[in-house]
């Protein structure tokens, strides 16, 4: 089961996404939620780094629940969440 004890997140300009991390026991996985997904779950999100981080923080529980549905233990090191995932 994936868990999110670390609340760190950052905006990745090259991927146009917010990056965050989850842990499955000792396994760490990276997750990226793209700008369009954030705009879908929070309409009116400002198109800026701070706007995307605020949208992520405001919807962390919803985002983590979507990750839990998509995550498969040990299948890969990173996952992308897109608007279609919400």
N, C-alpha and C. Protein backbone atom coordinates (compact mmCIF):
# COMPACT_ATOMS: atom_id res chain seq x y z
N UNK A 1 0.84 -1.17 0.00
CA UNK A 1 0.00 0.00 0.00
C UNK A 1 0.89 1.24 0.00
N UNK A 2 0.53 2.21 -0.80
CA UNK A 2 1.30 3.44 -0.92
C UNK A 2 0.86 4.42 0.18
N UNK A 3 1.84 5.12 0.75
CA UNK A 3 1.58 6.07 1.82
C UNK A 3 2.32 7.37 1.49
N UNK A 4 1.87 8.47 2.02
CA UNK A 4 2.44 9.78 1.70
C UNK A 4 2.83 10.53 2.97
N UNK A 5 3.83 10.00 3.71
CA UNK A 5 4.21 10.65 4.96
C UNK A 5 4.97 11.97 4.76
N UNK A 6 5.58 12.14 3.60
CA UNK A 6 6.36 13.33 3.29
C UNK A 6 5.46 14.29 2.51
N UNK A 7 5.20 15.46 3.07
CA UNK A 7 4.32 16.41 2.40
C UNK A 7 5.06 17.35 1.46
N UNK A 8 6.32 17.03 1.17
CA UNK A 8 7.09 17.84 0.22
C UNK A 8 6.50 17.70 -1.17
N UNK A 9 6.54 18.78 -1.90
CA UNK A 9 6.14 18.79 -3.30
C UNK A 9 6.84 19.95 -3.95
N UNK A 10 7.01 19.89 -5.24
CA UNK A 10 7.66 20.97 -5.97
C UNK A 10 7.06 21.05 -7.36
N UNK A 11 7.20 22.22 -7.93
CA UNK A 11 6.72 22.42 -9.30
C UNK A 11 7.86 22.14 -10.26
N UNK A 12 7.62 21.28 -11.23
CA UNK A 12 8.62 20.93 -12.24
C UNK A 12 8.26 21.67 -13.53
N UNK A 13 9.01 22.71 -13.84
CA UNK A 13 8.71 23.54 -15.02
C UNK A 13 8.85 22.77 -16.33
N UNK A 14 9.80 21.85 -16.40
CA UNK A 14 10.01 21.13 -17.66
C UNK A 14 8.87 20.16 -17.95
N UNK A 15 8.25 19.61 -16.91
CA UNK A 15 7.14 18.67 -17.10
C UNK A 15 5.78 19.34 -16.96
N UNK A 16 5.77 20.60 -16.57
CA UNK A 16 4.51 21.32 -16.33
C UNK A 16 3.63 20.53 -15.36
N UNK A 17 4.24 20.17 -14.23
CA UNK A 17 3.56 19.30 -13.27
C UNK A 17 4.10 19.54 -11.86
N UNK A 18 3.30 19.16 -10.89
CA UNK A 18 3.75 19.15 -9.50
C UNK A 18 4.27 17.75 -9.21
N UNK A 19 5.45 17.70 -8.62
CA UNK A 19 6.08 16.42 -8.28
C UNK A 19 5.94 16.20 -6.78
N UNK A 20 5.62 14.96 -6.41
CA UNK A 20 5.55 14.59 -5.00
C UNK A 20 5.94 13.12 -4.88
N UNK A 21 6.13 12.64 -3.65
CA UNK A 21 6.67 11.32 -3.43
C UNK A 21 5.78 10.50 -2.51
N UNK A 22 5.77 9.21 -2.76
CA UNK A 22 5.06 8.27 -1.90
C UNK A 22 5.98 7.13 -1.54
N UNK A 23 5.60 6.41 -0.49
CA UNK A 23 6.41 5.28 -0.02
C UNK A 23 5.56 4.04 0.15
N UNK A 24 6.12 2.94 -0.28
CA UNK A 24 5.53 1.62 -0.08
C UNK A 24 6.60 0.83 0.66
N UNK A 25 6.48 0.77 1.97
CA UNK A 25 7.55 0.24 2.82
C UNK A 25 8.83 1.03 2.54
N UNK A 26 9.87 0.36 2.08
CA UNK A 26 11.14 1.05 1.81
C UNK A 26 11.24 1.57 0.38
N UNK A 27 10.25 1.30 -0.44
CA UNK A 27 10.27 1.71 -1.84
C UNK A 27 9.70 3.12 -1.97
N UNK A 28 10.47 4.01 -2.60
CA UNK A 28 9.98 5.36 -2.86
C UNK A 28 9.61 5.48 -4.32
N UNK A 29 8.50 6.13 -4.59
CA UNK A 29 8.06 6.37 -5.97
C UNK A 29 7.78 7.86 -6.15
N UNK A 30 8.07 8.37 -7.34
CA UNK A 30 7.78 9.76 -7.68
C UNK A 30 6.47 9.82 -8.44
N UNK A 31 5.73 10.88 -8.17
CA UNK A 31 4.45 11.09 -8.84
C UNK A 31 4.42 12.51 -9.39
N UNK A 32 3.81 12.64 -10.54
CA UNK A 32 3.65 13.94 -11.19
C UNK A 32 2.18 14.13 -11.52
N UNK A 33 1.63 15.28 -11.13
CA UNK A 33 0.28 15.61 -11.54
C UNK A 33 0.38 16.83 -12.44
N UNK A 34 -0.10 16.70 -13.67
CA UNK A 34 0.10 17.77 -14.63
C UNK A 34 -0.86 18.94 -14.43
N UNK A 35 -0.54 20.06 -15.07
CA UNK A 35 -1.31 21.29 -14.91
C UNK A 35 -2.78 21.09 -15.28
N UNK A 36 -3.06 20.37 -16.34
CA UNK A 36 -4.44 20.17 -16.77
C UNK A 36 -5.24 19.41 -15.72
N UNK A 37 -4.62 18.43 -15.08
CA UNK A 37 -5.30 17.68 -14.02
C UNK A 37 -5.62 18.59 -12.84
N UNK A 38 -4.67 19.44 -12.48
CA UNK A 38 -4.92 20.36 -11.38
C UNK A 38 -6.03 21.35 -11.71
N UNK A 39 -6.06 21.80 -12.95
CA UNK A 39 -7.12 22.71 -13.37
C UNK A 39 -8.48 22.00 -13.41
N UNK A 40 -8.48 20.71 -13.71
CA UNK A 40 -9.73 19.96 -13.72
C UNK A 40 -10.29 19.81 -12.30
N UNK A 41 -9.43 19.49 -11.35
CA UNK A 41 -9.93 19.25 -9.99
C UNK A 41 -10.16 20.55 -9.23
N UNK A 42 -9.53 21.64 -9.68
CA UNK A 42 -9.77 22.95 -9.07
C UNK A 42 -9.87 24.00 -10.16
N UNK A 43 -11.06 24.12 -10.74
CA UNK A 43 -11.26 25.14 -11.78
C UNK A 43 -10.89 26.53 -11.25
N UNK A 44 -10.33 27.32 -12.11
CA UNK A 44 -9.92 28.66 -11.71
C UNK A 44 -8.51 28.73 -11.16
N UNK A 45 -7.79 27.62 -11.19
CA UNK A 45 -6.41 27.60 -10.73
C UNK A 45 -5.59 28.58 -11.55
N UNK A 46 -4.81 29.42 -10.87
CA UNK A 46 -3.93 30.34 -11.58
C UNK A 46 -2.82 29.56 -12.28
N UNK A 47 -2.50 29.96 -13.49
CA UNK A 47 -1.46 29.28 -14.28
C UNK A 47 -0.08 29.82 -13.89
N UNK A 48 0.32 29.48 -12.68
CA UNK A 48 1.63 29.89 -12.18
C UNK A 48 2.10 28.82 -11.20
N UNK A 49 3.39 28.84 -10.90
CA UNK A 49 3.92 27.87 -9.96
C UNK A 49 3.15 27.90 -8.64
N UNK A 50 2.94 29.09 -8.10
CA UNK A 50 2.23 29.18 -6.82
C UNK A 50 0.78 28.73 -6.95
N UNK A 51 0.15 29.03 -8.07
CA UNK A 51 -1.23 28.59 -8.29
C UNK A 51 -1.35 27.08 -8.33
N UNK A 52 -0.43 26.43 -9.01
CA UNK A 52 -0.48 24.97 -9.10
C UNK A 52 -0.16 24.32 -7.75
N UNK A 53 0.77 24.90 -7.00
CA UNK A 53 1.09 24.34 -5.68
C UNK A 53 -0.09 24.51 -4.71
N UNK A 54 -0.77 25.65 -4.79
CA UNK A 54 -1.95 25.87 -3.95
C UNK A 54 -3.04 24.87 -4.31
N UNK A 55 -3.27 24.64 -5.60
CA UNK A 55 -4.28 23.67 -6.03
C UNK A 55 -3.92 22.27 -5.54
N UNK A 56 -2.64 21.92 -5.61
CA UNK A 56 -2.20 20.61 -5.12
C UNK A 56 -2.47 20.49 -3.63
N UNK A 57 -2.03 21.48 -2.87
CA UNK A 57 -2.20 21.44 -1.41
C UNK A 57 -3.67 21.36 -1.01
N UNK A 58 -4.52 22.07 -1.73
CA UNK A 58 -5.95 22.09 -1.42
C UNK A 58 -6.65 20.77 -1.73
N UNK A 59 -6.05 19.98 -2.60
CA UNK A 59 -6.68 18.73 -3.06
C UNK A 59 -5.81 17.51 -2.82
N UNK A 60 -4.91 17.60 -1.87
CA UNK A 60 -3.96 16.51 -1.61
C UNK A 60 -4.65 15.18 -1.37
N UNK A 61 -5.71 15.14 -0.57
CA UNK A 61 -6.39 13.87 -0.27
C UNK A 61 -6.97 13.24 -1.54
N UNK A 62 -7.61 14.04 -2.38
CA UNK A 62 -8.17 13.55 -3.64
C UNK A 62 -7.06 13.02 -4.55
N UNK A 63 -5.96 13.74 -4.63
CA UNK A 63 -4.83 13.35 -5.47
C UNK A 63 -4.21 12.05 -4.97
N UNK A 64 -4.01 11.95 -3.68
CA UNK A 64 -3.42 10.72 -3.11
C UNK A 64 -4.34 9.52 -3.30
N UNK A 65 -5.65 9.74 -3.25
CA UNK A 65 -6.60 8.64 -3.49
C UNK A 65 -6.50 8.17 -4.95
N UNK A 66 -6.33 9.11 -5.89
CA UNK A 66 -6.17 8.74 -7.30
C UNK A 66 -4.87 7.96 -7.50
N UNK A 67 -3.82 8.37 -6.81
CA UNK A 67 -2.55 7.66 -6.90
C UNK A 67 -2.70 6.23 -6.38
N UNK A 68 -3.39 6.08 -5.28
CA UNK A 68 -3.57 4.75 -4.69
C UNK A 68 -4.27 3.80 -5.65
N UNK A 69 -5.17 4.32 -6.48
CA UNK A 69 -5.85 3.48 -7.47
C UNK A 69 -4.92 3.12 -8.63
N UNK A 70 -4.00 4.00 -8.94
CA UNK A 70 -3.12 3.81 -10.10
C UNK A 70 -1.83 3.07 -9.77
N UNK A 71 -1.42 3.11 -8.52
CA UNK A 71 -0.13 2.56 -8.10
C UNK A 71 -0.14 1.03 -8.12
N UNK A 72 0.94 0.46 -8.67
CA UNK A 72 1.16 -0.98 -8.64
C UNK A 72 2.56 -1.18 -8.08
N UNK A 73 2.66 -1.87 -6.97
CA UNK A 73 3.94 -2.02 -6.27
C UNK A 73 5.05 -2.53 -7.18
N UNK A 74 6.14 -1.77 -7.18
CA UNK A 74 7.34 -2.19 -7.89
C UNK A 74 7.26 -2.14 -9.40
N UNK A 75 6.18 -1.61 -9.95
CA UNK A 75 6.07 -1.66 -11.41
C UNK A 75 6.92 -0.60 -12.11
N UNK A 76 7.13 0.54 -11.46
CA UNK A 76 7.97 1.58 -12.07
C UNK A 76 8.33 2.62 -11.01
N UNK A 77 9.26 3.48 -11.35
CA UNK A 77 9.75 4.46 -10.39
C UNK A 77 8.96 5.75 -10.33
N UNK A 78 8.19 6.05 -11.40
CA UNK A 78 7.39 7.27 -11.38
C UNK A 78 6.06 7.06 -12.09
N UNK A 79 5.12 7.88 -11.71
CA UNK A 79 3.76 7.80 -12.25
C UNK A 79 3.30 9.20 -12.62
N UNK A 80 2.52 9.29 -13.70
CA UNK A 80 1.95 10.56 -14.13
C UNK A 80 0.45 10.53 -13.94
N UNK A 81 -0.07 11.57 -13.31
CA UNK A 81 -1.52 11.74 -13.17
C UNK A 81 -1.95 12.80 -14.16
N UNK A 82 -2.93 12.45 -14.97
CA UNK A 82 -3.43 13.35 -16.02
C UNK A 82 -4.87 13.71 -15.71
N UNK A 83 -5.40 14.67 -16.45
CA UNK A 83 -6.78 15.10 -16.24
C UNK A 83 -7.75 13.92 -16.33
N UNK A 84 -7.51 12.96 -17.21
CA UNK A 84 -8.39 11.80 -17.39
C UNK A 84 -8.45 10.91 -16.14
N UNK A 85 -7.49 11.06 -15.22
CA UNK A 85 -7.49 10.28 -14.00
C UNK A 85 -8.46 10.83 -12.96
N UNK A 86 -9.08 11.98 -13.25
CA UNK A 86 -10.00 12.60 -12.29
C UNK A 86 -11.37 12.80 -12.86
